[in-house]
C-alpha atoms as a PDB file:
ATOM      1  CA  UNK A   1     164.459 -28.507  82.155  1.00  0.00           C
ATOM      2  CA  UNK A   2     161.048 -26.152  83.302  1.00  0.00           C
ATOM      3  CA  UNK A   3     157.757 -25.939  81.456  1.00  0.00           C
ATOM      4  CA  UNK A   4     156.694 -22.562  80.482  1.00  0.00           C
ATOM      5  CA  UNK A   5     154.126 -20.979  82.860  1.00  0.00           C
ATOM      6  CA  UNK A   6     150.345 -21.036  81.423  1.00  0.00           C
ATOM      7  CA  UNK A   7     149.010 -17.795  80.270  1.00  0.00           C
ATOM      8  CA  UNK A   8     147.346 -16.768  82.947  1.00  0.00           C
ATOM      9  CA  UNK A   9     145.006 -14.059  80.507  1.00  0.00           C
ATOM     10  CA  UNK A  10     143.750 -17.054  78.472  1.00  0.00           C
ATOM     11  CA  UNK A  11     140.332 -17.119  79.675  1.00  0.00           C
ATOM     12  CA  UNK A  12     139.175 -13.779  78.770  1.00  0.00           C
ATOM     13  CA  UNK A  13     136.561 -14.612  75.718  1.00  0.00           C
ATOM     14  CA  UNK A  14     134.073 -12.003  74.650  1.00  0.00           C
ATOM     15  CA  UNK A  15     130.627 -13.253  75.260  1.00  0.00           C
ATOM     16  CA  UNK A  16     127.558 -11.959  73.153  1.00  0.00           C
ATOM     17  CA  UNK A  17     124.339 -10.395  75.217  1.00  0.00           C
ATOM     18  CA  UNK A  18     121.234  -8.739  74.150  1.00  0.00           C
ATOM     19  CA  UNK A  19     122.242  -5.264  74.382  1.00  0.00           C
ATOM     20  CA  UNK A  20     126.118  -5.679  72.595  1.00  0.00           C
ATOM     21  CA  UNK A  21     128.636  -7.970  73.999  1.00  0.00           C
ATOM     22  CA  UNK A  22     130.719  -8.837  77.598  1.00  0.00           C
ATOM     23  CA  UNK A  23     133.609 -10.038  78.743  1.00  0.00           C
ATOM     24  CA  UNK A  24     134.719 -11.092  82.346  1.00  0.00           C
ATOM     25  CA  UNK A  25     137.949 -10.471  83.893  1.00  0.00           C
ATOM     26  CA  UNK A  26     139.914 -11.481  87.046  1.00  0.00           C
ATOM     27  CA  UNK A  27     139.931  -8.467  89.518  1.00  0.00           C
ATOM     28  CA  UNK A  28     143.453  -8.738  89.369  1.00  0.00           C
ATOM     29  CA  UNK A  29     143.382  -7.723  85.550  1.00  0.00           C
ATOM     30  CA  UNK A  30     140.394  -5.493  85.632  1.00  0.00           C
ATOM     31  CA  UNK A  31     142.508  -2.268  85.960  1.00  0.00           C
ATOM     32  CA  UNK A  32     145.420  -2.643  83.662  1.00  0.00           C
ATOM     33  CA  UNK A  33     142.981  -4.121  81.209  1.00  0.00           C
ATOM     34  CA  UNK A  34     140.325  -1.116  81.645  1.00  0.00           C
ATOM     35  CA  UNK A  35     142.801   1.333  81.444  1.00  0.00           C
ATOM     36  CA  UNK A  36     143.922  -0.401  77.994  1.00  0.00           C
ATOM     37  CA  UNK A  37     140.440   0.004  76.628  1.00  0.00           C
ATOM     38  CA  UNK A  38     140.374   3.629  77.898  1.00  0.00           C
ATOM     39  CA  UNK A  39     143.562   4.467  75.520  1.00  0.00           C
ATOM     40  CA  UNK A  40     142.234   2.538  72.528  1.00  0.00           C
ATOM     41  CA  UNK A  41     139.165   4.892  72.907  1.00  0.00           C
ATOM     42  CA  UNK A  42     136.545   1.769  73.893  1.00  0.00           C
ATOM     43  CA  UNK A  43     133.424   2.789  75.605  1.00  0.00           C
ATOM     44  CA  UNK A  44     132.244   0.408  78.178  1.00  0.00           C
ATOM     45  CA  UNK A  45     130.835   0.012  81.541  1.00  0.00           C
ATOM     46  CA  UNK A  46     132.606  -1.783  84.257  1.00  0.00           C
ATOM     47  CA  UNK A  47     130.405  -3.925  87.216  1.00  0.00           C
ATOM     48  CA  UNK A  48     132.743  -4.431  89.868  1.00  0.00           C
ATOM     49  CA  UNK A  49     132.454  -8.194  91.994  1.00  0.00           C
ATOM     50  CA  UNK A  50     130.244  -9.481  89.412  1.00  0.00           C
ATOM     51  CA  UNK A  51     131.518 -13.089  90.667  1.00  0.00           C
ATOM     52  CA  UNK A  52     133.965 -13.892  92.967  1.00  0.00           C
ATOM     53  CA  UNK A  53     137.243 -12.118  91.906  1.00  0.00           C
ATOM     54  CA  UNK A  54     135.788 -10.740  88.622  1.00  0.00           C
ATOM     55  CA  UNK A  55     134.926  -7.717  87.485  1.00  0.00           C
ATOM     56  CA  UNK A  56     132.527  -7.661  84.293  1.00  0.00           C
ATOM     57  CA  UNK A  57     133.137  -5.142  81.378  1.00  0.00           C
ATOM     58  CA  UNK A  58     129.893  -4.332  79.290  1.00  0.00           C
ATOM     59  CA  UNK A  59     129.916  -3.084  75.505  1.00  0.00           C
ATOM     60  CA  UNK A  60     127.023  -1.805  74.051  1.00  0.00           C
ATOM     61  CA  UNK A  61     128.553  -0.506  70.742  1.00  0.00           C
ATOM     62  CA  UNK A  62     128.842  -3.848  68.755  1.00  0.00           C
ATOM     63  CA  UNK A  63     130.797  -1.855  65.854  1.00  0.00           C
ATOM     64  CA  UNK A  64     133.801  -1.858  68.188  1.00  0.00           C
ATOM     65  CA  UNK A  65     133.602  -5.818  68.883  1.00  0.00           C
ATOM     66  CA  UNK A  66     136.349  -6.056  66.338  1.00  0.00           C
ATOM     67  CA  UNK A  67     138.547  -3.462  68.131  1.00  0.00           C
ATOM     68  CA  UNK A  68     137.955  -5.340  71.898  1.00  0.00           C
ATOM     69  CA  UNK A  69     139.239  -8.674  70.059  1.00  0.00           C
ATOM     70  CA  UNK A  70     142.334  -6.926  68.803  1.00  0.00           C
ATOM     71  CA  UNK A  71     143.257  -5.413  72.424  1.00  0.00           C
ATOM     72  CA  UNK A  72     142.741  -8.574  73.935  1.00  0.00           C
ATOM     73  CA  UNK A  73     144.590 -10.842  71.852  1.00  0.00           C
ATOM     74  CA  UNK A  74     147.488  -8.182  72.307  1.00  0.00           C
ATOM     75  CA  UNK A  75     147.135  -8.411  76.221  1.00  0.00           C
ATOM     76  CA  UNK A  76     146.834 -11.864  76.421  1.00  0.00           C
ATOM     77  CA  UNK A  77     150.326 -12.244  74.305  1.00  0.00           C
ATOM     78  CA  UNK A  78     152.171  -9.753  76.656  1.00  0.00           C
ATOM     79  CA  UNK A  79     155.439 -11.166  77.956  1.00  0.00           C
ATOM     80  CA  UNK A  80     155.648 -11.783  82.330  1.00  0.00           C
ATOM     81  CA  UNK A  81     152.572 -12.963  81.957  1.00  0.00           C
END
């Protein structure tokens, strides 16, 4: 019997900033998450290589925060991660 893999996307957490909120994303997930946010019409800015191996997404429209949370939860729970 083997243990199930750890969900590699659990690290995704929204952080409040003075100008809205942000999301630190590993580069391996950044492109597909950016595409998903665009698909849902969520405006964001992406800063690449903000940290080693990571990009950061910035959101200035706080009214979309609940929508981003919903997208993140569905993204975290996708099979095959």
